[in-house]
N, C-alpha and C. Protein backbone atom coordinates (compact mmCIF):
# COMPACT_ATOMS: atom_id res chain seq x y z
N MET A 1 119.55 52.02 -8.59
CA MET A 1 120.37 52.97 -7.85
C MET A 1 119.39 53.76 -6.80
N GLU A 2 118.31 54.02 -7.09
CA GLU A 2 117.46 54.91 -6.18
C GLU A 2 117.19 54.06 -4.83
N LYS A 3 117.00 52.81 -4.87
CA LYS A 3 116.92 51.82 -3.82
C LYS A 3 118.13 51.72 -3.01
N LYS A 4 119.25 51.70 -3.64
CA LYS A 4 120.50 51.67 -2.98
C LYS A 4 120.90 53.03 -2.16
N ILE A 5 120.63 54.24 -2.83
CA ILE A 5 120.63 55.27 -2.07
C ILE A 5 119.80 55.50 -0.83
N SER A 6 118.53 54.97 -0.91
CA SER A 6 117.65 55.02 0.09
C SER A 6 118.09 54.22 1.27
N ILE A 7 118.70 53.18 0.98
CA ILE A 7 119.27 52.28 1.96
C ILE A 7 120.51 52.84 2.75
N LEU A 8 121.50 53.34 1.93
CA LEU A 8 122.58 54.02 2.50
C LEU A 8 122.20 55.26 3.40
N GLU A 9 121.27 56.05 2.86
CA GLU A 9 120.78 57.21 3.67
C GLU A 9 120.44 56.91 5.08
N LYS A 10 119.71 55.71 5.23
CA LYS A 10 119.39 55.11 6.54
C LYS A 10 120.61 54.70 7.42
N ILE A 11 121.53 54.07 6.66
CA ILE A 11 122.76 53.74 7.32
C ILE A 11 123.74 54.96 7.83
N ILE A 12 123.68 55.98 6.90
CA ILE A 12 124.65 57.10 7.34
C ILE A 12 123.80 58.10 8.11
N LYS A 13 122.47 57.89 8.32
CA LYS A 13 121.53 58.74 9.10
C LYS A 13 121.51 60.34 8.44
N TYR A 14 121.49 60.31 7.18
CA TYR A 14 121.29 61.61 6.45
C TYR A 14 120.54 61.50 5.25
N ASN A 15 119.59 62.34 5.04
CA ASN A 15 118.78 62.28 3.82
C ASN A 15 119.16 63.46 2.87
N PHE A 16 119.62 63.10 1.80
CA PHE A 16 120.04 64.13 0.77
C PHE A 16 118.85 64.74 0.12
N LYS A 17 118.93 66.12 -0.01
CA LYS A 17 118.06 67.02 -0.68
C LYS A 17 118.26 66.71 -2.11
N LYS A 18 119.51 66.64 -2.53
CA LYS A 18 119.96 66.36 -4.02
C LYS A 18 120.47 64.93 -3.97
N LYS A 19 119.64 64.02 -4.41
CA LYS A 19 120.34 62.57 -4.43
C LYS A 19 121.45 62.38 -5.42
N SER A 20 121.48 63.36 -6.36
CA SER A 20 122.37 63.17 -7.52
C SER A 20 123.89 63.40 -6.81
N ILE A 21 124.03 64.21 -5.71
CA ILE A 21 125.40 64.39 -5.13
C ILE A 21 125.73 63.19 -4.36
N LEU A 22 124.83 62.52 -3.82
CA LEU A 22 125.13 61.27 -3.13
C LEU A 22 125.75 60.05 -4.27
N GLU A 23 124.97 60.15 -5.32
CA GLU A 23 125.27 59.26 -6.38
C GLU A 23 126.58 59.48 -7.05
N LYS A 24 126.92 60.84 -7.18
CA LYS A 24 128.19 61.18 -7.56
C LYS A 24 129.30 60.72 -6.58
N ALA A 25 129.09 60.73 -5.34
CA ALA A 25 129.94 60.50 -4.36
C ALA A 25 130.25 59.06 -4.36
N LEU A 26 129.37 58.25 -4.85
CA LEU A 26 129.40 56.66 -4.99
C LEU A 26 130.09 56.14 -6.38
N THR A 27 130.30 57.29 -7.23
CA THR A 27 130.70 56.88 -8.57
C THR A 27 132.30 56.90 -8.67
N HIS A 28 132.86 55.88 -8.91
CA HIS A 28 134.28 55.78 -9.12
C HIS A 28 134.81 56.14 -10.58
N LYS A 29 135.85 56.68 -10.74
CA LYS A 29 136.22 57.25 -11.95
C LYS A 29 136.22 56.15 -13.00
N SER A 30 136.42 54.89 -12.68
CA SER A 30 136.47 53.76 -13.64
C SER A 30 134.97 53.49 -14.24
N PHE A 31 133.98 54.02 -13.54
CA PHE A 31 132.61 54.04 -13.99
C PHE A 31 132.29 55.23 -15.04
N ASN A 32 132.64 56.34 -14.48
CA ASN A 32 132.44 57.55 -15.30
C ASN A 32 133.68 58.43 -15.15
N ASN A 33 134.40 58.62 -16.20
CA ASN A 33 135.64 59.31 -16.10
C ASN A 33 135.41 60.79 -16.07
N ASN A 34 134.20 61.29 -16.46
CA ASN A 34 133.89 62.68 -16.22
C ASN A 34 133.15 63.12 -15.16
N ILE A 35 132.16 62.37 -14.65
CA ILE A 35 131.41 62.58 -13.45
C ILE A 35 131.66 61.59 -12.43
N ASN A 36 132.53 61.88 -11.46
CA ASN A 36 132.86 60.99 -10.50
C ASN A 36 133.11 61.50 -9.07
N ASN A 37 133.60 60.83 -8.15
CA ASN A 37 133.72 61.24 -6.85
C ASN A 37 135.05 61.92 -6.51
N GLU A 38 136.01 61.98 -7.49
CA GLU A 38 137.38 62.64 -7.15
C GLU A 38 137.26 63.89 -6.50
N LYS A 39 136.55 64.74 -6.99
CA LYS A 39 136.56 66.25 -6.37
C LYS A 39 136.01 66.23 -5.02
N LEU A 40 134.67 65.52 -4.90
CA LEU A 40 134.05 65.34 -3.73
C LEU A 40 134.91 64.72 -2.61
N GLU A 41 135.81 63.78 -3.00
CA GLU A 41 136.79 63.14 -2.10
C GLU A 41 137.73 64.34 -1.66
N PHE A 42 138.18 64.99 -2.50
CA PHE A 42 139.33 66.06 -2.10
C PHE A 42 138.39 67.14 -1.18
N LEU A 43 137.31 67.40 -1.27
CA LEU A 43 136.50 68.35 -0.47
C LEU A 43 136.31 67.62 0.92
N GLY A 44 135.94 66.37 0.77
CA GLY A 44 135.68 65.65 2.08
C GLY A 44 136.86 65.52 2.83
N ASP A 45 138.03 65.20 2.29
CA ASP A 45 139.17 65.12 3.10
C ASP A 45 139.55 66.38 3.81
N ARG A 46 139.23 67.51 3.32
CA ARG A 46 139.55 68.85 4.06
C ARG A 46 138.36 69.07 5.14
N VAL A 47 137.19 68.76 4.89
CA VAL A 47 136.09 68.77 5.90
C VAL A 47 136.34 67.82 7.20
N LEU A 48 136.87 66.61 6.77
CA LEU A 48 137.13 65.59 7.76
C LEU A 48 138.29 66.12 8.53
N GLY A 49 139.34 66.68 8.07
CA GLY A 49 140.41 67.21 8.76
C GLY A 49 140.22 68.33 9.72
N LEU A 50 139.42 69.30 9.21
CA LEU A 50 138.85 70.33 10.03
C LEU A 50 138.11 69.78 11.23
N THR A 51 137.12 68.92 10.89
CA THR A 51 136.31 68.44 11.97
C THR A 51 137.06 67.57 13.16
N ILE A 52 137.83 66.82 12.72
CA ILE A 52 138.72 65.93 13.57
C ILE A 52 139.67 66.83 14.36
N SER A 53 140.23 67.69 13.74
CA SER A 53 141.10 68.68 14.58
C SER A 53 140.54 69.37 15.58
N GLU A 54 139.13 69.91 15.38
CA GLU A 54 138.38 70.63 16.29
C GLU A 54 138.02 69.64 17.32
N ARG A 55 137.58 68.48 16.87
CA ARG A 55 137.32 67.57 18.06
C ARG A 55 138.37 67.12 18.96
N LEU A 56 139.53 66.88 18.51
CA LEU A 56 140.61 66.50 19.22
C LEU A 56 141.11 67.74 20.18
N LEU A 57 140.92 68.88 19.67
CA LEU A 57 141.25 70.05 20.67
C LEU A 57 140.37 70.18 21.77
N GLU A 58 139.07 69.84 21.41
CA GLU A 58 138.12 69.85 22.53
C GLU A 58 138.18 68.71 23.42
N LYS A 59 138.68 67.50 22.94
CA LYS A 59 138.72 66.32 23.88
C LYS A 59 140.07 66.27 24.67
N TYR A 60 141.06 66.94 24.12
CA TYR A 60 142.48 66.94 24.71
C TYR A 60 142.98 68.26 24.73
N PRO A 61 142.39 69.19 25.61
CA PRO A 61 142.65 70.56 25.72
C PRO A 61 144.22 70.76 26.36
N HIS A 62 144.65 69.90 27.05
CA HIS A 62 145.92 69.93 27.69
C HIS A 62 147.07 69.16 26.99
N GLU A 63 146.64 68.50 25.98
CA GLU A 63 147.59 67.68 25.34
C GLU A 63 148.59 68.43 24.61
N LYS A 64 149.86 68.02 24.52
CA LYS A 64 150.92 68.75 23.51
C LYS A 64 150.46 68.53 22.09
N GLU A 65 150.86 69.54 21.29
CA GLU A 65 150.56 69.67 19.82
C GLU A 65 151.13 68.57 19.04
N GLY A 66 152.26 67.94 19.52
CA GLY A 66 152.91 66.80 18.87
C GLY A 66 151.95 65.50 18.96
N VAL A 67 151.46 65.38 20.10
CA VAL A 67 150.55 64.21 20.30
C VAL A 67 149.35 64.30 19.67
N ILE A 68 148.82 65.67 19.76
CA ILE A 68 147.55 65.87 18.95
C ILE A 68 147.61 65.60 17.54
N ASP A 69 148.77 65.90 16.90
CA ASP A 69 149.07 65.79 15.41
C ASP A 69 149.13 64.23 15.23
N LYS A 70 149.73 63.45 15.98
CA LYS A 70 149.76 62.11 15.85
C LYS A 70 148.47 61.25 16.01
N LYS A 71 147.77 61.86 16.81
CA LYS A 71 146.35 61.36 17.04
C LYS A 71 145.52 61.65 15.75
N PHE A 72 145.79 62.94 15.30
CA PHE A 72 145.01 63.35 14.05
C PHE A 72 145.42 62.48 12.94
N ALA A 73 146.63 62.11 12.56
CA ALA A 73 147.09 61.29 11.45
C ALA A 73 146.52 60.08 11.59
N ASN A 74 146.42 59.42 12.91
CA ASN A 74 145.94 58.14 13.03
C ASN A 74 144.40 58.03 12.69
N LEU A 75 143.66 59.19 12.93
CA LEU A 75 142.13 59.15 12.75
C LEU A 75 141.78 59.56 11.34
N VAL A 76 142.55 60.26 10.52
CA VAL A 76 142.25 60.41 9.10
C VAL A 76 142.89 59.71 8.09
N ASN A 77 143.71 58.74 8.47
CA ASN A 77 144.42 57.98 7.40
C ASN A 77 143.51 56.96 6.77
N LYS A 78 144.04 56.56 5.58
CA LYS A 78 143.09 55.67 4.73
C LYS A 78 142.75 54.41 5.60
N LYS A 79 143.67 53.83 6.57
CA LYS A 79 143.42 52.62 7.26
C LYS A 79 142.13 52.88 8.02
N THR A 80 142.15 53.84 8.90
CA THR A 80 140.79 54.22 9.75
C THR A 80 139.56 54.49 8.71
N CYS A 81 139.84 55.17 7.73
CA CYS A 81 138.68 55.49 6.77
C CYS A 81 138.14 54.12 6.18
N SER A 82 139.07 53.27 5.77
CA SER A 82 138.56 51.97 5.29
C SER A 82 137.92 51.23 6.17
N LEU A 83 138.37 51.16 7.48
CA LEU A 83 137.74 50.41 8.58
C LEU A 83 136.22 50.84 8.70
N ILE A 84 136.02 52.33 8.81
CA ILE A 84 134.82 52.81 8.90
C ILE A 84 133.93 52.50 7.85
N ALA A 85 134.53 52.53 6.39
CA ALA A 85 133.85 52.13 5.24
C ALA A 85 133.21 50.70 5.48
N LYS A 86 134.15 49.94 5.89
CA LYS A 86 133.80 48.41 6.12
C LYS A 86 132.63 48.25 7.05
N LYS A 87 132.64 49.10 8.04
CA LYS A 87 131.76 48.96 9.12
C LYS A 87 130.24 49.18 8.52
N ILE A 88 130.16 50.26 7.63
CA ILE A 88 128.82 50.60 7.13
C ILE A 88 128.67 49.86 5.75
N ASP A 89 129.58 48.95 5.28
CA ASP A 89 129.50 47.97 4.26
C ASP A 89 129.23 48.98 3.03
N LEU A 90 130.13 49.86 2.94
CA LEU A 90 130.13 50.88 1.80
C LEU A 90 130.38 50.30 0.48
N LYS A 91 131.21 49.16 0.43
CA LYS A 91 131.52 48.56 -0.87
C LYS A 91 130.23 48.19 -1.70
N LYS A 92 129.19 47.78 -1.10
CA LYS A 92 127.98 47.39 -1.77
C LYS A 92 127.42 48.45 -2.71
N PHE A 93 127.74 49.80 -2.15
CA PHE A 93 127.01 50.93 -2.94
C PHE A 93 127.86 51.56 -3.92
N ILE A 94 129.14 51.18 -4.08
CA ILE A 94 130.01 51.92 -4.95
C ILE A 94 129.91 51.35 -6.51
N LEU A 95 129.91 52.57 -7.38
CA LEU A 95 129.67 52.20 -8.77
C LEU A 95 131.18 52.03 -9.46
N LEU A 96 131.38 50.89 -9.93
CA LEU A 96 132.85 50.66 -10.52
C LEU A 96 132.62 50.27 -11.93
N GLY A 97 133.62 50.60 -12.88
CA GLY A 97 133.52 50.35 -14.17
C GLY A 97 133.98 48.92 -14.37
N SER A 98 133.86 48.34 -15.57
CA SER A 98 134.25 46.94 -15.88
C SER A 98 135.72 46.60 -15.39
N SER A 99 136.55 47.46 -15.70
CA SER A 99 138.03 47.38 -15.63
C SER A 99 138.39 47.12 -14.02
N HIS A 100 137.45 47.59 -13.18
CA HIS A 100 137.73 47.52 -11.75
C HIS A 100 136.91 46.41 -11.16
N ARG A 101 135.90 45.98 -11.75
CA ARG A 101 135.09 44.96 -11.14
C ARG A 101 135.89 43.63 -10.88
N LYS A 102 136.90 43.59 -11.68
CA LYS A 102 137.66 42.38 -11.55
C LYS A 102 138.61 42.35 -10.28
N LEU A 103 138.75 43.64 -9.87
CA LEU A 103 139.52 43.84 -8.64
C LEU A 103 138.49 43.83 -7.26
N ASP A 104 139.04 43.65 -6.19
CA ASP A 104 138.41 43.47 -4.97
C ASP A 104 137.55 44.86 -4.85
N ARG A 105 136.24 44.74 -4.72
CA ARG A 105 135.35 46.04 -4.69
C ARG A 105 135.80 46.63 -3.38
N SER A 106 136.18 45.92 -2.37
CA SER A 106 136.45 46.48 -1.00
C SER A 106 137.85 46.93 -0.93
N SER A 107 138.60 47.22 -1.93
CA SER A 107 139.88 47.85 -1.90
C SER A 107 139.93 48.94 -0.95
N ASP A 108 140.83 48.94 -0.05
CA ASP A 108 140.91 49.84 1.04
C ASP A 108 140.87 51.34 0.48
N LYS A 109 141.65 51.61 -0.63
CA LYS A 109 141.63 52.88 -1.30
C LYS A 109 140.42 53.38 -1.90
N ILE A 110 139.90 52.52 -2.63
CA ILE A 110 138.48 52.75 -3.14
C ILE A 110 137.45 53.12 -2.16
N THR A 111 137.42 52.31 -1.08
CA THR A 111 136.31 52.47 -0.03
C THR A 111 136.58 53.71 0.82
N SER A 112 137.91 53.83 1.20
CA SER A 112 138.27 55.23 2.12
C SER A 112 137.90 56.47 1.23
N ASP A 113 138.33 56.51 -0.08
CA ASP A 113 137.98 57.51 -0.91
C ASP A 113 136.60 57.90 -1.11
N CYS A 114 135.81 56.84 -1.22
CA CYS A 114 134.37 57.08 -1.41
C CYS A 114 133.86 57.65 -0.16
N LEU A 115 134.17 57.02 1.13
CA LEU A 115 133.83 57.53 2.36
C LEU A 115 134.00 59.10 2.55
N GLU A 116 135.29 59.69 2.16
CA GLU A 116 135.55 60.89 2.20
C GLU A 116 134.62 61.82 1.17
N ALA A 117 134.45 61.09 0.06
CA ALA A 117 133.58 61.83 -0.90
C ALA A 117 132.05 61.99 -0.30
N ILE A 118 131.67 61.08 0.49
CA ILE A 118 130.50 61.19 1.18
C ILE A 118 130.39 62.36 2.09
N VAL A 119 131.40 62.54 2.85
CA VAL A 119 131.61 63.65 3.74
C VAL A 119 131.42 65.01 2.96
N GLY A 120 132.24 64.95 1.72
CA GLY A 120 132.15 66.16 0.80
C GLY A 120 130.74 66.46 0.29
N ALA A 121 130.13 65.44 0.01
CA ALA A 121 128.71 65.44 -0.58
C ALA A 121 127.69 65.94 0.50
N ILE A 122 127.83 65.36 1.70
CA ILE A 122 126.89 65.94 2.91
C ILE A 122 127.27 67.49 3.16
N TYR A 123 128.38 67.77 3.07
CA TYR A 123 128.86 69.18 3.27
C TYR A 123 128.16 70.13 2.27
N LEU A 124 128.26 69.71 0.98
CA LEU A 124 127.64 70.39 -0.26
C LEU A 124 126.14 70.46 -0.03
N ASP A 125 125.66 69.41 0.34
CA ASP A 125 123.99 69.30 0.37
C ASP A 125 123.53 69.76 1.62
N GLY A 126 124.17 69.72 2.80
CA GLY A 126 123.60 70.27 4.02
C GLY A 126 124.36 71.17 4.90
N GLY A 127 125.58 71.47 4.37
CA GLY A 127 126.27 72.23 5.14
C GLY A 127 127.30 71.73 6.10
N LEU A 128 128.05 72.32 6.82
CA LEU A 128 129.11 71.99 7.77
C LEU A 128 128.59 71.19 9.01
N LYS A 129 127.33 71.83 9.38
CA LYS A 129 126.85 71.23 10.63
C LYS A 129 126.31 69.65 10.40
N PHE A 130 125.80 69.42 9.36
CA PHE A 130 125.48 67.88 9.07
C PHE A 130 126.80 67.19 8.68
N ALA A 131 127.67 67.62 8.16
CA ALA A 131 128.95 66.92 7.81
C ALA A 131 129.70 66.54 9.10
N LYS A 132 129.57 67.43 10.13
CA LYS A 132 130.26 67.40 11.32
C LYS A 132 129.44 66.28 12.03
N LYS A 133 128.09 66.28 12.00
CA LYS A 133 127.28 65.25 12.66
C LYS A 133 127.56 63.94 12.24
N PHE A 134 127.72 63.77 10.91
CA PHE A 134 127.94 62.46 10.18
C PHE A 134 129.49 62.01 10.68
N ILE A 135 130.49 62.82 10.69
CA ILE A 135 131.78 62.57 11.13
C ILE A 135 131.84 62.02 12.60
N HIS A 136 131.18 62.94 13.39
CA HIS A 136 131.22 62.61 14.82
C HIS A 136 130.49 61.19 15.12
N HIS A 137 129.49 61.01 14.40
CA HIS A 137 128.75 59.72 14.53
C HIS A 137 129.75 58.43 14.14
N LEU A 138 130.39 58.57 13.18
CA LEU A 138 131.11 57.45 12.70
C LEU A 138 132.58 57.31 13.20
N TRP A 139 133.19 58.57 13.65
CA TRP A 139 134.65 58.53 13.96
C TRP A 139 134.68 58.39 15.56
N GLU A 140 133.55 58.73 16.32
CA GLU A 140 133.77 59.06 17.64
C GLU A 140 134.14 57.77 18.54
N GLU A 141 133.79 56.65 17.97
CA GLU A 141 134.46 55.34 18.49
C GLU A 141 136.01 55.27 18.50
N TYR A 142 136.43 55.76 17.28
CA TYR A 142 137.98 55.80 17.19
C TYR A 142 138.56 56.86 17.82
N LEU A 143 137.83 57.92 18.19
CA LEU A 143 138.30 59.05 18.93
C LEU A 143 138.42 58.68 20.49
N LEU A 144 137.51 57.92 20.97
CA LEU A 144 137.38 57.50 22.26
C LEU A 144 138.49 56.53 22.52
N LYS A 145 138.87 55.67 21.65
CA LYS A 145 140.04 54.74 21.86
C LYS A 145 141.20 55.03 21.11
N SER A 146 141.21 56.34 20.85
CA SER A 146 142.55 56.79 20.12
C SER A 146 143.73 56.25 20.85
N ASN A 147 144.44 55.57 19.82
CA ASN A 147 145.48 54.76 20.56
C ASN A 147 147.06 55.32 20.17
N ILE A 148 146.90 56.72 20.32
CA ILE A 148 148.24 57.36 20.00
C ILE A 148 149.11 57.12 21.19
N THR A 149 148.61 56.85 22.34
CA THR A 149 149.47 56.55 23.63
C THR A 149 150.13 55.30 23.31
N LEU A 150 149.55 54.30 22.63
CA LEU A 150 150.15 53.05 22.28
C LEU A 150 151.39 53.15 21.44
N ILE A 151 151.26 54.38 20.53
CA ILE A 151 152.43 54.58 19.64
C ILE A 151 153.70 54.87 20.35
N ASP A 152 153.72 55.54 21.58
CA ASP A 152 154.77 56.04 22.27
C ASP A 152 155.13 55.08 23.51
N SER A 153 154.25 54.06 23.75
CA SER A 153 154.50 53.11 24.81
C SER A 153 155.64 52.32 24.61
N LYS A 154 155.97 51.62 23.50
CA LYS A 154 157.22 50.90 23.32
C LYS A 154 158.48 51.70 23.74
N THR A 155 158.55 52.89 23.25
CA THR A 155 159.62 53.76 23.54
C THR A 155 159.66 54.13 25.17
N LYS A 156 158.60 54.41 25.57
CA LYS A 156 158.52 54.74 27.01
C LYS A 156 158.93 53.68 27.88
N LEU A 157 158.49 52.46 27.46
CA LEU A 157 158.90 51.29 28.26
C LEU A 157 160.46 51.00 28.07
N GLN A 158 160.87 51.10 26.97
CA GLN A 158 162.23 50.95 26.69
C GLN A 158 163.14 51.96 27.44
N GLU A 159 162.85 53.12 27.64
CA GLU A 159 163.58 54.13 28.31
C GLU A 159 163.55 53.89 29.83
N PHE A 160 162.42 53.43 30.36
CA PHE A 160 162.39 53.05 31.56
C PHE A 160 163.29 51.84 31.99
N SER A 161 163.17 50.87 31.21
CA SER A 161 163.98 49.62 31.38
C SER A 161 165.42 49.84 31.39
N LEU A 162 165.91 50.67 30.50
CA LEU A 162 167.30 50.98 30.28
C LEU A 162 167.80 51.82 31.45
N LYS A 163 166.91 52.68 31.87
CA LYS A 163 167.43 53.76 33.02
C LYS A 163 167.45 52.79 34.34
N LYS A 164 166.52 51.95 34.64
CA LYS A 164 166.38 51.41 35.80
C LYS A 164 167.31 50.02 35.73
N PHE A 165 167.17 49.21 34.71
CA PHE A 165 167.86 47.90 34.74
C PHE A 165 169.08 47.70 33.76
N LYS A 166 169.34 48.79 32.83
CA LYS A 166 170.29 48.71 31.97
C LYS A 166 170.06 47.63 30.81
N VAL A 167 168.86 47.17 30.63
CA VAL A 167 168.51 46.32 29.50
C VAL A 167 167.29 46.55 28.96
N LEU A 168 167.17 45.91 27.64
CA LEU A 168 165.86 46.32 26.78
C LEU A 168 164.67 45.41 27.20
N PRO A 169 163.62 45.91 27.03
CA PRO A 169 162.41 44.94 27.16
C PRO A 169 162.55 43.77 26.41
N LYS A 170 162.08 42.58 26.81
CA LYS A 170 162.15 41.36 26.01
C LYS A 170 160.89 40.94 25.44
N TYR A 171 160.67 40.97 23.96
CA TYR A 171 159.33 40.64 23.40
C TYR A 171 159.70 39.25 22.86
N ILE A 172 158.58 38.58 23.07
CA ILE A 172 158.51 37.14 22.40
C ILE A 172 157.20 36.92 21.66
N PHE A 173 157.13 36.46 20.35
CA PHE A 173 156.05 36.33 19.51
C PHE A 173 155.61 34.88 19.63
N PRO A 174 154.61 34.64 20.58
CA PRO A 174 154.17 33.17 20.72
C PRO A 174 153.36 32.68 19.53
N LYS A 175 152.54 33.54 18.87
CA LYS A 175 151.69 33.10 17.81
C LYS A 175 150.90 34.08 16.86
N LYS A 176 150.51 33.72 15.72
CA LYS A 176 149.97 34.46 14.82
C LYS A 176 148.66 33.59 14.47
N THR A 177 147.50 34.37 14.61
CA THR A 177 146.15 33.74 14.39
C THR A 177 145.31 34.48 13.31
N GLY A 178 144.13 34.00 13.07
CA GLY A 178 143.25 34.72 12.10
C GLY A 178 143.32 34.37 10.73
N PRO A 179 142.55 34.78 9.90
CA PRO A 179 142.76 34.50 8.44
C PRO A 179 143.96 35.21 7.80
N GLN A 180 144.23 34.83 6.60
CA GLN A 180 145.63 35.45 5.93
C GLN A 180 145.24 36.92 5.75
N HIS A 181 144.14 37.38 5.38
CA HIS A 181 143.89 38.79 4.90
C HIS A 181 143.69 39.60 6.27
N ARG A 182 143.46 38.90 7.22
CA ARG A 182 143.29 39.72 8.46
C ARG A 182 143.98 38.98 9.66
N PRO A 183 145.24 38.98 9.75
CA PRO A 183 146.02 38.25 10.99
C PRO A 183 145.88 39.05 12.22
N LEU A 184 145.97 38.10 13.20
CA LEU A 184 146.19 38.67 14.62
C LEU A 184 147.31 38.22 15.25
N PHE A 185 148.16 39.12 15.70
CA PHE A 185 149.41 38.82 16.33
C PHE A 185 149.38 39.09 17.93
N LYS A 186 150.07 38.16 18.49
CA LYS A 186 150.14 38.13 19.97
C LYS A 186 151.50 38.13 20.41
N THR A 187 151.88 38.94 21.24
CA THR A 187 153.41 39.03 21.79
C THR A 187 153.39 39.17 23.22
N GLU A 188 154.48 38.52 23.88
CA GLU A 188 154.65 38.79 25.32
C GLU A 188 155.80 39.87 25.57
N VAL A 189 155.69 40.56 26.57
CA VAL A 189 156.82 41.50 26.93
C VAL A 189 157.00 41.46 28.40
N GLN A 190 158.42 41.53 28.88
CA GLN A 190 158.86 41.37 30.26
C GLN A 190 160.01 42.30 30.30
N ILE A 191 160.09 42.91 31.47
CA ILE A 191 161.40 43.55 31.89
C ILE A 191 161.78 42.80 33.23
N PRO A 192 162.96 43.19 33.73
CA PRO A 192 163.30 42.51 34.99
C PRO A 192 162.34 42.86 36.13
N ASN A 193 162.07 41.81 36.92
CA ASN A 193 161.09 42.00 38.16
C ASN A 193 159.67 42.23 37.70
N SER A 194 159.42 41.93 36.46
CA SER A 194 158.04 42.32 36.07
C SER A 194 157.31 40.97 35.50
N LYS A 195 155.91 40.93 35.65
CA LYS A 195 155.26 39.75 35.14
C LYS A 195 155.33 39.82 33.56
N LYS A 196 154.99 38.65 32.79
CA LYS A 196 154.84 38.81 31.41
C LYS A 196 153.61 39.26 31.12
N VAL A 197 153.48 40.11 30.17
CA VAL A 197 152.25 40.81 29.65
C VAL A 197 152.03 40.58 28.10
N ILE A 198 150.81 40.07 27.81
CA ILE A 198 150.41 39.71 26.35
C ILE A 198 149.83 40.85 25.72
N GLY A 199 150.29 41.29 24.55
CA GLY A 199 149.72 42.28 23.70
C GLY A 199 149.19 41.73 22.38
N ILE A 200 148.07 42.35 21.88
CA ILE A 200 147.46 41.84 20.73
C ILE A 200 147.21 42.95 19.75
N GLY A 201 147.58 42.60 18.46
CA GLY A 201 147.44 43.64 17.40
C GLY A 201 147.43 43.06 16.00
N SER A 202 147.06 44.01 15.03
CA SER A 202 146.82 43.52 13.52
C SER A 202 148.23 43.34 13.13
N SER A 203 149.35 43.77 13.46
CA SER A 203 150.66 43.63 13.18
C SER A 203 151.59 43.42 14.28
N LYS A 204 152.87 42.92 14.09
CA LYS A 204 153.83 42.69 15.16
C LYS A 204 154.01 43.97 15.84
N LYS A 205 154.16 44.98 15.13
CA LYS A 205 154.43 46.36 15.72
C LYS A 205 153.18 46.76 16.66
N ASN A 206 152.01 46.57 16.18
CA ASN A 206 150.97 46.99 17.12
C ASN A 206 150.71 46.08 18.33
N ALA A 207 151.04 44.82 18.17
CA ALA A 207 151.11 43.94 19.33
C ALA A 207 152.21 44.36 20.33
N GLN A 208 153.29 44.71 19.81
CA GLN A 208 154.28 45.20 20.77
C GLN A 208 153.85 46.45 21.51
N GLN A 209 153.24 47.44 20.70
CA GLN A 209 152.77 48.56 21.41
C GLN A 209 151.72 48.37 22.42
N ASP A 210 150.79 47.49 22.03
CA ASP A 210 149.71 47.03 23.05
C ASP A 210 150.31 46.54 24.28
N ALA A 211 151.16 45.42 24.19
CA ALA A 211 151.91 44.93 25.21
C ALA A 211 152.55 45.77 26.19
N ALA A 212 153.39 46.87 25.56
CA ALA A 212 154.13 47.88 26.22
C ALA A 212 153.10 48.72 27.07
N TYR A 213 152.10 49.02 26.41
CA TYR A 213 151.08 49.95 27.06
C TYR A 213 150.54 49.12 28.27
N LYS A 214 150.11 48.04 27.98
CA LYS A 214 149.50 47.22 29.19
C LYS A 214 150.71 46.89 30.37
N LEU A 215 151.83 46.91 30.08
CA LEU A 215 152.89 46.62 31.13
C LEU A 215 153.25 47.90 31.79
N LEU A 216 153.21 48.97 31.15
CA LEU A 216 153.36 50.44 31.66
C LEU A 216 152.23 50.52 32.72
N LYS A 217 151.04 50.22 32.26
CA LYS A 217 149.87 50.39 33.21
C LYS A 217 149.85 49.53 34.32
N LEU A 218 150.38 48.35 34.15
CA LEU A 218 150.54 47.38 35.30
C LEU A 218 151.58 47.97 36.33
N LEU A 219 152.59 48.46 35.86
CA LEU A 219 153.58 49.05 36.73
C LEU A 219 153.33 50.45 37.15
N ASP A 220 152.17 51.03 36.74
CA ASP A 220 151.75 52.42 37.12
C ASP A 220 152.86 53.37 36.71
N ILE A 221 153.30 53.29 35.48
CA ILE A 221 154.40 54.32 34.98
C ILE A 221 153.56 55.15 33.98
């Protein structure tokens, strides 16, 4: 375990003063029902929320609260946390009991909870400054491409099309590609007098939002 901790510290760019805190953050309750990462995950969730909230207000000082709130939800949800956990290959370091080893070690809930536990562990070991540094390092990519604008794009395009042409935008799904566990959807969207624009996403909904966003940008709306 000592070797694993040393490797993980290099990946997360933080050296723990108390290695036992990191080990606890990596321990799932199935491995040890008494000493595990549940409380650290609870703490890390709060530290993450505070840090992301602060960063969003810095980055989008003129944005409406409702939009900030949606951006926030998109950045701290289990999906984003699991994506970040996969990026640093966190599944290799998690301690699981025999009952869970049969399950996929990369289960989104297990890895995302563990990532939040690491946030909590860094906070306890080094304070808020280092916890924020860790969060900024791993979440900044998602902050920069925060796609909450895409969430409202479909509605915005629909309102524009109905107002100007009295018809809804037309979406066509030409194909689904990629492996079964990670499909990629493509869709086309068009409104009267516009070109067809292709959107791509991990779901039909995301593909539609991407297509709508690109068409709005093309139309300069």
